[in-house]
Structure formats: C-alpha cells, structure tokens
Amino acid sequence: QAPLDYIIQHYVANLLGQSEFALRFHAALFGTLTI
C-alpha cells in the first residue's frame, strides 16, 4: 500500500520512542486535524 502513514510513524517513533503514546500520536494528531 501507500507507505506515507508508515513513514510518518517510523520517524515519529524514532523521535519519541516505542511507547504506546509515540506509536499512536501521529494517527491521533492527523485525525484531529482532519476534523
């Protein structure tokens, strides 16, 4: 599939770590911005 979501998650996880918060942060941020 289109890898944009996974690329963003990869870099956010490298920046923030492997915690649950870090792995879900980008999805929650973009979901809120979508609204």
PDB file of all heavy atoms in Angstrom:
ATOM      1  N   GLN A   1       0.843  -1.186   0.000  1.00  0.00           N
ATOM      2  CA  GLN A   1       0.000   0.000   0.000  1.00  0.00           C
ATOM      3  C   GLN A   1       0.879   1.237   0.000  1.00  0.00           C
ATOM      4  O   GLN A   1       2.097   1.147   0.077  1.00  0.00           O
ATOM      5  CB  GLN A   1      -0.902   0.017   1.232  1.00  0.00           C
ATOM      6  CG  GLN A   1      -1.871  -1.131   1.277  1.00  0.00           C
ATOM      7  CD  GLN A   1      -2.675  -1.108   2.551  1.00  0.00           C
ATOM      8  OE1 GLN A   1      -2.473  -0.287   3.422  1.00  0.00           O
ATOM      9  NE2 GLN A   1      -3.604  -2.026   2.667  1.00  0.00           N
ATOM     10  N   ALA A   2       0.241   2.390  -0.050  1.00  0.00           N
ATOM     11  CA  ALA A   2       0.975   3.652   0.018  1.00  0.00           C
ATOM     12  C   ALA A   2       1.653   3.766   1.381  1.00  0.00           C
ATOM     13  O   ALA A   2       1.003   3.634   2.414  1.00  0.00           O
ATOM     14  CB  ALA A   2       0.034   4.816  -0.208  1.00  0.00           C
ATOM     15  N   PRO A   3       2.938   4.005   1.416  1.00  0.00           N
ATOM     16  CA  PRO A   3       3.684   3.926   2.678  1.00  0.00           C
ATOM     17  C   PRO A   3       3.731   5.208   3.497  1.00  0.00           C
ATOM     18  O   PRO A   3       4.435   5.258   4.484  1.00  0.00           O
ATOM     19  CB  PRO A   3       5.092   3.550   2.201  1.00  0.00           C
ATOM     20  CG  PRO A   3       5.200   4.179   0.862  1.00  0.00           C
ATOM     21  CD  PRO A   3       3.819   4.078   0.262  1.00  0.00           C
ATOM     22  N   LEU A   4       3.003   6.260   3.131  1.00  0.00           N
ATOM     23  CA  LEU A   4       3.136   7.537   3.831  1.00  0.00           C
ATOM     24  C   LEU A   4       2.843   7.406   5.324  1.00  0.00           C
ATOM     25  O   LEU A   4       3.593   7.930   6.165  1.00  0.00           O
ATOM     26  CB  LEU A   4       2.234   8.593   3.205  1.00  0.00           C
ATOM     27  CG  LEU A   4       2.318   9.986   3.818  1.00  0.00           C
ATOM     28  CD1 LEU A   4       3.732  10.525   3.683  1.00  0.00           C
ATOM     29  CD2 LEU A   4       1.333  10.914   3.169  1.00  0.00           C
ATOM     30  N   ASP A   5       1.790   6.702   5.698  1.00  0.00           N
ATOM     31  CA  ASP A   5       1.455   6.532   7.110  1.00  0.00           C
ATOM     32  C   ASP A   5       2.576   5.828   7.866  1.00  0.00           C
ATOM     33  O   ASP A   5       2.930   6.204   8.975  1.00  0.00           O
ATOM     34  CB  ASP A   5       0.149   5.754   7.245  1.00  0.00           C
ATOM     35  CG  ASP A   5      -0.275   5.590   8.689  1.00  0.00           C
ATOM     36  OD1 ASP A   5      -0.300   6.600   9.420  1.00  0.00           O
ATOM     37  OD2 ASP A   5      -0.576   4.456   9.096  1.00  0.00           O
ATOM     38  N   TYR A   6       3.153   4.815   7.251  1.00  0.00           N
ATOM     39  CA  TYR A   6       4.206   4.054   7.907  1.00  0.00           C
ATOM     40  C   TYR A   6       5.512   4.838   7.987  1.00  0.00           C
ATOM     41  O   TYR A   6       6.269   4.686   8.939  1.00  0.00           O
ATOM     42  CB  TYR A   6       4.403   2.719   7.199  1.00  0.00           C
ATOM     43  CG  TYR A   6       3.145   1.907   7.224  1.00  0.00           C
ATOM     44  CD1 TYR A   6       2.331   1.819   6.106  1.00  0.00           C
ATOM     45  CD2 TYR A   6       2.738   1.274   8.386  1.00  0.00           C
ATOM     46  CE1 TYR A   6       1.154   1.095   6.147  1.00  0.00           C
ATOM     47  CE2 TYR A   6       1.563   0.558   8.438  1.00  0.00           C
ATOM     48  CZ  TYR A   6       0.781   0.469   7.313  1.00  0.00           C
ATOM     49  OH  TYR A   6      -0.377  -0.231   7.351  1.00  0.00           O
ATOM     50  N   ILE A   7       5.773   5.660   6.978  1.00  0.00           N
ATOM     51  CA  ILE A   7       6.963   6.505   7.021  1.00  0.00           C
ATOM     52  C   ILE A   7       6.841   7.514   8.157  1.00  0.00           C
ATOM     53  O   ILE A   7       7.780   7.718   8.932  1.00  0.00           O
ATOM     54  CB  ILE A   7       7.177   7.214   5.669  1.00  0.00           C
ATOM     55  CG1 ILE A   7       7.551   6.189   4.606  1.00  0.00           C
ATOM     56  CG2 ILE A   7       8.252   8.291   5.785  1.00  0.00           C
ATOM     57  CD1 ILE A   7       7.573   6.747   3.208  1.00  0.00           C
ATOM     58  N   ILE A   8       5.684   8.146   8.266  1.00  0.00           N
ATOM     59  CA  ILE A   8       5.470   9.113   9.345  1.00  0.00           C
ATOM     60  C   ILE A   8       5.580   8.427  10.697  1.00  0.00           C
ATOM     61  O   ILE A   8       6.235   8.936  11.610  1.00  0.00           O
ATOM     62  CB  ILE A   8       4.106   9.814   9.182  1.00  0.00           C
ATOM     63  CG1 ILE A   8       4.119  10.685   7.930  1.00  0.00           C
ATOM     64  CG2 ILE A   8       3.769  10.643  10.410  1.00  0.00           C
ATOM     65  CD1 ILE A   8       2.769  11.241   7.558  1.00  0.00           C
ATOM     66  N   GLN A   9       4.962   7.253  10.838  1.00  0.00           N
ATOM     67  CA  GLN A   9       5.041   6.528  12.106  1.00  0.00           C
ATOM     68  C   GLN A   9       6.485   6.140  12.422  1.00  0.00           C
ATOM     69  O   GLN A   9       6.907   6.213  13.571  1.00  0.00           O
ATOM     70  CB  GLN A   9       4.172   5.284  12.077  1.00  0.00           C
ATOM     71  CG  GLN A   9       4.216   4.527  13.397  1.00  0.00           C
ATOM     72  CD  GLN A   9       3.338   3.306  13.400  1.00  0.00           C
ATOM     73  OE1 GLN A   9       2.667   3.004  12.427  1.00  0.00           O
ATOM     74  NE2 GLN A   9       3.327   2.594  14.495  1.00  0.00           N
ATOM     75  N   HIS A  10       7.227   5.757  11.438  1.00  0.00           N
ATOM     76  CA  HIS A  10       8.626   5.378  11.640  1.00  0.00           C
ATOM     77  C   HIS A  10       9.420   6.542  12.218  1.00  0.00           C
ATOM     78  O   HIS A  10      10.141   6.385  13.209  1.00  0.00           O
ATOM     79  CB  HIS A  10       9.222   4.910  10.317  1.00  0.00           C
ATOM     80  CG  HIS A  10      10.687   4.663  10.358  1.00  0.00           C
ATOM     81  ND1 HIS A  10      11.221   3.536  10.941  1.00  0.00           N
ATOM     82  CD2 HIS A  10      11.725   5.392   9.910  1.00  0.00           C
ATOM     83  CE1 HIS A  10      12.537   3.581  10.837  1.00  0.00           C
ATOM     84  NE2 HIS A  10      12.870   4.709  10.215  1.00  0.00           N
ATOM     85  N   TYR A  11       9.289   7.718  11.626  1.00  0.00           N
ATOM     86  CA  TYR A  11      10.060   8.867  12.098  1.00  0.00           C
ATOM     87  C   TYR A  11       9.565   9.397  13.434  1.00  0.00           C
ATOM     88  O   TYR A  11      10.366   9.825  14.276  1.00  0.00           O
ATOM     89  CB  TYR A  11      10.091   9.967  11.042  1.00  0.00           C
ATOM     90  CG  TYR A  11      10.990   9.587   9.886  1.00  0.00           C
ATOM     91  CD1 TYR A  11      10.467   9.335   8.631  1.00  0.00           C
ATOM     92  CD2 TYR A  11      12.351   9.434  10.067  1.00  0.00           C
ATOM     93  CE1 TYR A  11      11.280   8.958   7.582  1.00  0.00           C
ATOM     94  CE2 TYR A  11      13.184   9.054   9.028  1.00  0.00           C
ATOM     95  CZ  TYR A  11      12.639   8.825   7.793  1.00  0.00           C
ATOM     96  OH  TYR A  11      13.456   8.440   6.762  1.00  0.00           O
ATOM     97  N   VAL A  12       8.259   9.358  13.670  1.00  0.00           N
ATOM     98  CA  VAL A  12       7.736   9.781  14.979  1.00  0.00           C
ATOM     99  C   VAL A  12       8.204   8.813  16.064  1.00  0.00           C
ATOM    100  O   VAL A  12       8.601   9.235  17.153  1.00  0.00           O
ATOM    101  CB  VAL A  12       6.188   9.879  14.954  1.00  0.00           C
ATOM    102  CG1 VAL A  12       5.625  10.053  16.347  1.00  0.00           C
ATOM    103  CG2 VAL A  12       5.757  11.034  14.076  1.00  0.00           C
ATOM    104  N   ALA A  13       8.202   7.521  15.768  1.00  0.00           N
ATOM    105  CA  ALA A  13       8.670   6.533  16.747  1.00  0.00           C
ATOM    106  C   ALA A  13      10.167   6.682  17.010  1.00  0.00           C
ATOM    107  O   ALA A  13      10.616   6.506  18.145  1.00  0.00           O
ATOM    108  CB  ALA A  13       8.360   5.119  16.272  1.00  0.00           C
ATOM    109  N   ASN A  14      10.933   7.005  15.990  1.00  0.00           N
ATOM    110  CA  ASN A  14      12.364   7.239  16.202  1.00  0.00           C
ATOM    111  C   ASN A  14      12.587   8.486  17.043  1.00  0.00           C
ATOM    112  O   ASN A  14      13.531   8.544  17.823  1.00  0.00           O
ATOM    113  CB  ASN A  14      13.103   7.379  14.878  1.00  0.00           C
ATOM    114  CG  ASN A  14      13.311   6.044  14.195  1.00  0.00           C
ATOM    115  OD1 ASN A  14      13.244   5.002  14.839  1.00  0.00           O
ATOM    116  ND2 ASN A  14      13.540   6.071  12.906  1.00  0.00           N
ATOM    117  N   LEU A  15      11.729   9.468  16.879  1.00  0.00           N
ATOM    118  CA  LEU A  15      11.866  10.712  17.630  1.00  0.00           C
ATOM    119  C   LEU A  15      11.357  10.579  19.062  1.00  0.00           C
ATOM    120  O   LEU A  15      12.021  11.021  20.000  1.00  0.00           O
ATOM    121  CB  LEU A  15      11.105  11.831  16.910  1.00  0.00           C
ATOM    122  CG  LEU A  15      11.157  13.219  17.523  1.00  0.00           C
ATOM    123  CD1 LEU A  15      12.573  13.768  17.422  1.00  0.00           C
ATOM    124  CD2 LEU A  15      10.190  14.135  16.804  1.00  0.00           C
ATOM    125  N   LEU A  16      10.193   9.940  19.251  1.00  0.00           N
ATOM    126  CA  LEU A  16       9.554   9.873  20.568  1.00  0.00           C
ATOM    127  C   LEU A  16       9.760   8.553  21.301  1.00  0.00           C
ATOM    128  O   LEU A  16       9.448   8.455  22.481  1.00  0.00           O
ATOM    129  CB  LEU A  16       8.054  10.148  20.440  1.00  0.00           C
ATOM    130  CG  LEU A  16       7.660  11.514  19.880  1.00  0.00           C
ATOM    131  CD1 LEU A  16       6.151  11.600  19.739  1.00  0.00           C
ATOM    132  CD2 LEU A  16       8.190  12.630  20.746  1.00  0.00           C
ATOM    133  N   GLY A  17      10.197   7.518  20.614  1.00  0.00           N
ATOM    134  CA  GLY A  17      10.397   6.220  21.256  1.00  0.00           C
ATOM    135  C   GLY A  17       9.327   5.220  20.854  1.00  0.00           C
ATOM    136  O   GLY A  17       8.482   5.480  20.010  1.00  0.00           O
ATOM    137  N   GLN A  18       9.360   4.055  21.482  1.00  0.00           N
ATOM    138  CA  GLN A  18       8.458   2.956  21.145  1.00  0.00           C
ATOM    139  C   GLN A  18       7.286   2.828  22.111  1.00  0.00           C
ATOM    140  O   GLN A  18       6.667   1.773  22.187  1.00  0.00           O
ATOM    141  CB  GLN A  18       9.243   1.642  21.126  1.00  0.00           C
ATOM    142  CG  GLN A  18      10.290   1.564  20.043  1.00  0.00           C
ATOM    143  CD  GLN A  18       9.669   1.356  18.676  1.00  0.00           C
ATOM    144  OE1 GLN A  18       8.658   0.690  18.544  1.00  0.00           O
ATOM    145  NE2 GLN A  18      10.277   1.927  17.664  1.00  0.00           N
ATOM    146  N   SER A  19       6.974   3.872  22.858  1.00  0.00           N
ATOM    147  CA  SER A  19       5.849   3.793  23.795  1.00  0.00           C
ATOM    148  C   SER A  19       4.531   3.792  23.033  1.00  0.00           C
ATOM    149  O   SER A  19       4.467   4.125  21.845  1.00  0.00           O
ATOM    150  CB  SER A  19       5.882   4.985  24.756  1.00  0.00           C
ATOM    151  OG  SER A  19       5.599   6.180  24.067  1.00  0.00           O
ATOM    152  N   GLU A  20       3.470   3.401  23.718  1.00  0.00           N
ATOM    153  CA  GLU A  20       2.155   3.392  23.090  1.00  0.00           C
ATOM    154  C   GLU A  20       1.758   4.800  22.659  1.00  0.00           C
ATOM    155  O   GLU A  20       1.177   4.996  21.600  1.00  0.00           O
ATOM    156  CB  GLU A  20       1.120   2.821  24.059  1.00  0.00           C
ATOM    157  CG  GLU A  20      -0.247   2.678  23.432  1.00  0.00           C
ATOM    158  CD  GLU A  20      -1.242   2.001  24.351  1.00  0.00           C
ATOM    159  OE1 GLU A  20      -0.837   1.432  25.377  1.00  0.00           O
ATOM    160  OE2 GLU A  20      -2.439   2.058  24.031  1.00  0.00           O
ATOM    161  N   PHE A  21       2.080   5.790  23.482  1.00  0.00           N
ATOM    162  CA  PHE A  21       1.789   7.180  23.130  1.00  0.00           C
ATOM    163  C   PHE A  21       2.478   7.568  21.824  1.00  0.00           C
ATOM    164  O   PHE A  21       1.868   8.160  20.936  1.00  0.00           O
ATOM    165  CB  PHE A  21       2.240   8.119  24.259  1.00  0.00           C
ATOM    166  CG  PHE A  21       2.198   9.573  23.882  1.00  0.00           C
ATOM    167  CD1 PHE A  21       1.000  10.262  23.892  1.00  0.00           C
ATOM    168  CD2 PHE A  21       3.351  10.230  23.492  1.00  0.00           C
ATOM    169  CE1 PHE A  21       0.952  11.597  23.527  1.00  0.00           C
ATOM    170  CE2 PHE A  21       3.320  11.567  23.134  1.00  0.00           C
ATOM    171  CZ  PHE A  21       2.118  12.250  23.154  1.00  0.00           C
ATOM    172  N   ALA A  22       3.744   7.232  21.689  1.00  0.00           N
ATOM    173  CA  ALA A  22       4.504   7.607  20.496  1.00  0.00           C
ATOM    174  C   ALA A  22       3.959   6.929  19.241  1.00  0.00           C
ATOM    175  O   ALA A  22       3.906   7.541  18.174  1.00  0.00           O
ATOM    176  CB  ALA A  22       5.972   7.265  20.684  1.00  0.00           C
ATOM    177  N   LEU A  23       3.561   5.676  19.373  1.00  0.00           N
ATOM    178  CA  LEU A  23       3.074   4.937  18.208  1.00  0.00           C
ATOM    179  C   LEU A  23       1.688   5.393  17.763  1.00  0.00           C
ATOM    180  O   LEU A  23       1.324   5.237  16.602  1.00  0.00           O
ATOM    181  CB  LEU A  23       3.068   3.441  18.498  1.00  0.00           C
ATOM    182  CG  LEU A  23       4.443   2.811  18.706  1.00  0.00           C
ATOM    183  CD1 LEU A  23       4.298   1.346  19.073  1.00  0.00           C
ATOM    184  CD2 LEU A  23       5.314   2.992  17.482  1.00  0.00           C
ATOM    185  N   ARG A  24       0.913   5.957  18.670  1.00  0.00           N
ATOM    186  CA  ARG A  24      -0.435   6.408  18.327  1.00  0.00           C
ATOM    187  C   ARG A  24      -0.526   7.914  18.098  1.00  0.00           C
ATOM    188  O   ARG A  24      -1.545   8.414  17.653  1.00  0.00           O
ATOM    189  CB  ARG A  24      -1.419   6.018  19.428  1.00  0.00           C
ATOM    190  CG  ARG A  24      -1.591   4.529  19.571  1.00  0.00           C
ATOM    191  CD  ARG A  24      -2.546   4.214  20.704  1.00  0.00           C
ATOM    192  NE  ARG A  24      -2.563   2.807  20.985  1.00  0.00           N
ATOM    193  CZ  ARG A  24      -3.432   1.957  20.453  1.00  0.00           C
ATOM    194  NH1 ARG A  24      -4.329   2.389  19.609  1.00  0.00           N
ATOM    195  NH2 ARG A  24      -3.398   0.679  20.766  1.00  0.00           N
ATOM    196  N   PHE A  25       0.533   8.647  18.401  1.00  0.00           N
ATOM    197  CA  PHE A  25       0.491  10.103  18.370  1.00  0.00           C
ATOM    198  C   PHE A  25       0.153  10.652  16.988  1.00  0.00           C
ATOM    199  O   PHE A  25      -0.717  11.501  16.843  1.00  0.00           O
ATOM    200  CB  PHE A  25       1.825  10.680  18.862  1.00  0.00           C
ATOM    201  CG  PHE A  25       1.885  12.171  18.790  1.00  0.00           C
ATOM    202  CD1 PHE A  25       1.178  12.935  19.693  1.00  0.00           C
ATOM    203  CD2 PHE A  25       2.639  12.805  17.816  1.00  0.00           C
ATOM    204  CE1 PHE A  25       1.217  14.314  19.633  1.00  0.00           C
ATOM    205  CE2 PHE A  25       2.682  14.175  17.746  1.00  0.00           C
ATOM    206  CZ  PHE A  25       1.967  14.935  18.659  1.00  0.00           C
ATOM    207  N   HIS A  26       0.848  10.189  15.966  1.00  0.00           N
ATOM    208  CA  HIS A  26       0.621  10.765  14.636  1.00  0.00           C
ATOM    209  C   HIS A  26      -0.793  10.483  14.125  1.00  0.00           C
ATOM    210  O   HIS A  26      -1.399  11.334  13.485  1.00  0.00           O
ATOM    211  CB  HIS A  26       1.686  10.272  13.646  1.00  0.00           C
ATOM    212  CG  HIS A  26       1.426   8.921  13.094  1.00  0.00           C
ATOM    213  ND1 HIS A  26       1.615   7.769  13.819  1.00  0.00           N
ATOM    214  CD2 HIS A  26       0.963   8.533  11.888  1.00  0.00           C
ATOM    215  CE1 HIS A  26       1.294   6.738  13.080  1.00  0.00           C
ATOM    216  NE2 HIS A  26       0.898   7.166  11.907  1.00  0.00           N
ATOM    217  N   ALA A  27      -1.319   9.302  14.407  1.00  0.00           N
ATOM    218  CA  ALA A  27      -2.678   8.985  13.951  1.00  0.00           C
ATOM    219  C   ALA A  27      -3.709   9.869  14.651  1.00  0.00           C
ATOM    220  O   ALA A  27      -4.635  10.374  14.014  1.00  0.00           O
ATOM    221  CB  ALA A  27      -2.980   7.513  14.207  1.00  0.00           C
ATOM    222  N   ALA A  28      -3.537  10.081  15.953  1.00  0.00           N
ATOM    223  CA  ALA A  28      -4.464  10.946  16.682  1.00  0.00           C
ATOM    224  C   ALA A  28      -4.341  12.401  16.234  1.00  0.00           C
ATOM    225  O   ALA A  28      -5.347  13.106  16.091  1.00  0.00           O
ATOM    226  CB  ALA A  28      -4.209  10.837  18.184  1.00  0.00           C
ATOM    227  N   LEU A  29      -3.116  12.851  15.997  1.00  0.00           N
ATOM    228  CA  LEU A  29      -2.908  14.225  15.552  1.00  0.00           C
ATOM    229  C   LEU A  29      -3.548  14.467  14.186  1.00  0.00           C
ATOM    230  O   LEU A  29      -4.299  15.432  13.995  1.00  0.00           O
ATOM    231  CB  LEU A  29      -1.405  14.535  15.490  1.00  0.00           C
ATOM    232  CG  LEU A  29      -1.047  15.923  14.987  1.00  0.00           C
ATOM    233  CD1 LEU A  29      -1.501  16.989  15.978  1.00  0.00           C
ATOM    234  CD2 LEU A  29       0.442  16.008  14.736  1.00  0.00           C
ATOM    235  N   PHE A  30      -3.284  13.599  13.233  1.00  0.00           N
ATOM    236  CA  PHE A  30      -3.858  13.776  11.906  1.00  0.00           C
ATOM    237  C   PHE A  30      -5.372  13.565  11.903  1.00  0.00           C
ATOM    238  O   PHE A  30      -6.082  14.198  11.119  1.00  0.00           O
ATOM    239  CB  PHE A  30      -3.182  12.858  10.890  1.00  0.00           C
ATOM    240  CG  PHE A  30      -1.791  13.289  10.541  1.00  0.00           C
ATOM    241  CD1 PHE A  30      -0.736  12.413  10.633  1.00  0.00           C
ATOM    242  CD2 PHE A  30      -1.537  14.577  10.138  1.00  0.00           C
ATOM    243  CE1 PHE A  30       0.549  12.801  10.319  1.00  0.00           C
ATOM    244  CE2 PHE A  30      -0.253  14.995   9.820  1.00  0.00           C
ATOM    245  CZ  PHE A  30       0.791  14.097   9.911  1.00  0.00           C
ATOM    246  N   GLY A  31      -5.874  12.698  12.756  1.00  0.00           N
ATOM    247  CA  GLY A  31      -7.324  12.522  12.867  1.00  0.00           C
ATOM    248  C   GLY A  31      -8.003  13.770  13.389  1.00  0.00           C
ATOM    249  O   GLY A  31      -9.062  14.172  12.898  1.00  0.00           O
ATOM    250  N   THR A  32      -7.397  14.415  14.370  1.00  0.00           N
ATOM    251  CA  THR A  32      -7.938  15.662  14.905  1.00  0.00           C
ATOM    252  C   THR A  32      -7.857  16.777  13.866  1.00  0.00           C
ATOM    253  O   THR A  32      -8.811  17.543  13.686  1.00  0.00           O
ATOM    254  CB  THR A  32      -7.168  16.069  16.175  1.00  0.00           C
ATOM    255  OG1 THR A  32      -7.238  14.995  17.110  1.00  0.00           O
ATOM    256  CG2 THR A  32      -7.752  17.313  16.795  1.00  0.00           C
ATOM    257  N   LEU A  33      -6.740  16.860  13.176  1.00  0.00           N
ATOM    258  CA  LEU A  33      -6.594  17.886  12.139  1.00  0.00           C
ATOM    259  C   LEU A  33      -7.567  17.659  10.978  1.00  0.00           C
ATOM    260  O   LEU A  33      -8.013  18.615  10.347  1.00  0.00           O
ATOM    261  CB  LEU A  33      -5.156  17.915  11.633  1.00  0.00           C
ATOM    262  CG  LEU A  33      -4.126  18.443  12.621  1.00  0.00           C
ATOM    263  CD1 LEU A  33      -2.719  18.321  12.036  1.00  0.00           C
ATOM    264  CD2 LEU A  33      -4.417  19.868  13.024  1.00  0.00           C
ATOM    265  N   THR A  34      -7.908  16.409  10.708  1.00  0.00           N
ATOM    266  CA  THR A  34      -8.866  16.106   9.650  1.00  0.00           C
ATOM    267  C   THR A  34     -10.228  16.710   9.951  1.00  0.00           C
ATOM    268  O   THR A  34     -10.895  17.239   9.056  1.00  0.00           O
ATOM    269  CB  THR A  34      -8.993  14.585   9.456  1.00  0.00           C
ATOM    270  OG1 THR A  34      -7.718  14.062   9.122  1.00  0.00           O
ATOM    271  CG2 THR A  34      -9.997  14.235   8.386  1.00  0.00           C
ATOM    272  N   ILE A  35     -10.642  16.648  11.195  1.00  0.00           N
ATOM    273  CA  ILE A  35     -11.929  17.231  11.579  1.00  0.00           C
ATOM    274  C   ILE A  35     -11.901  18.742  11.371  1.00  0.00           C
ATOM    275  O   ILE A  35     -12.857  19.336  10.859  1.00  0.00           O
ATOM    276  CB  ILE A  35     -12.281  16.863  13.030  1.00  0.00           C
ATOM    277  CG1 ILE A  35     -12.475  15.362  13.149  1.00  0.00           C
ATOM    278  CG2 ILE A  35     -13.538  17.594  13.490  1.00  0.00           C
ATOM    279  CD1 ILE A  35     -12.562  14.864  14.562  1.00  0.00           C
TER     280      ILE A  35
END
